[in-house]
Amino acid sequence: MTNQPQPGVRPNDLFEQIVREHQAMVFRTLQRLTGSPDRVEDLAQEVFLRLYRGLPHFQGDAKLSTYLYRIILNVAQDEWKRRRRDRDRTFTPAYDPDEDAPSFIETLPSHNPNAEQQLSRHQTLEAVDHALLQLSDTERAILILFHQEECSYEHVALTLNLPINTVRTHLHRGRQKLGDLVRTALGSKIQERKTQARPCIPTPIPATR
């Protein structure tokens, strides 16, 4: 993404360029942050509406990428607040079955490839998404920005307006929590599968004399 608006570029042209180049990232990040694929289109429209309104006032003090991530996070936070008001605790998987598995699965503590091999990719991604939604808002945002969007510590800190050491702390804690949650979920599913696959052996009938 262009770091700063270029001289002579009209705001509308810049806006259209940003939308073309980064709409996939906006949709992907909103899905991960909110776990709401059914609402992601509306949320993305809100992101781009805020971006359009804000571009004329953009001073170039930060990168446009940082500016856009801040808008995404603000929209996601508004969605979290709406859910809390509505007491909405229903989980909907945020993954796209056509996408590659999230890269940060391999970074989780106690990552067990053998366990994943016993489960479908669908179940693994579902467990990761469910676990993400159980983290704090800050931990979830940092994990997604750092691992999914591959932002640097400095970029994450600037986007969230946090000290770098705080970002590192939340990242470490978030990884630990996510790893524990995913490991527990996958272990439960494996045990459930073993139970279902266990053959039913009939009790032998004693011979009569």
Foldseek 3Di string as FASTA:
>chain_A
DAFADDPPDDLVNVLVVCCVVCVVVLLLLLLLLAQCNVCSVVLSVQLSVVVSVCNVVDPSPGGVVLVSLLSSLVSSVVVVVVCVVVVPPDGHQSDDVVDDQFQCLVVAPPNDVVLVVLDDPVQLSSQLSVQLVVDDSLLSSLCCCCRVVVDDLVSSCSSVVHDSVVSVVSPVVSSHSSNVSSVVSSVVVSVVVCVVPDDDDDDDDDDDD
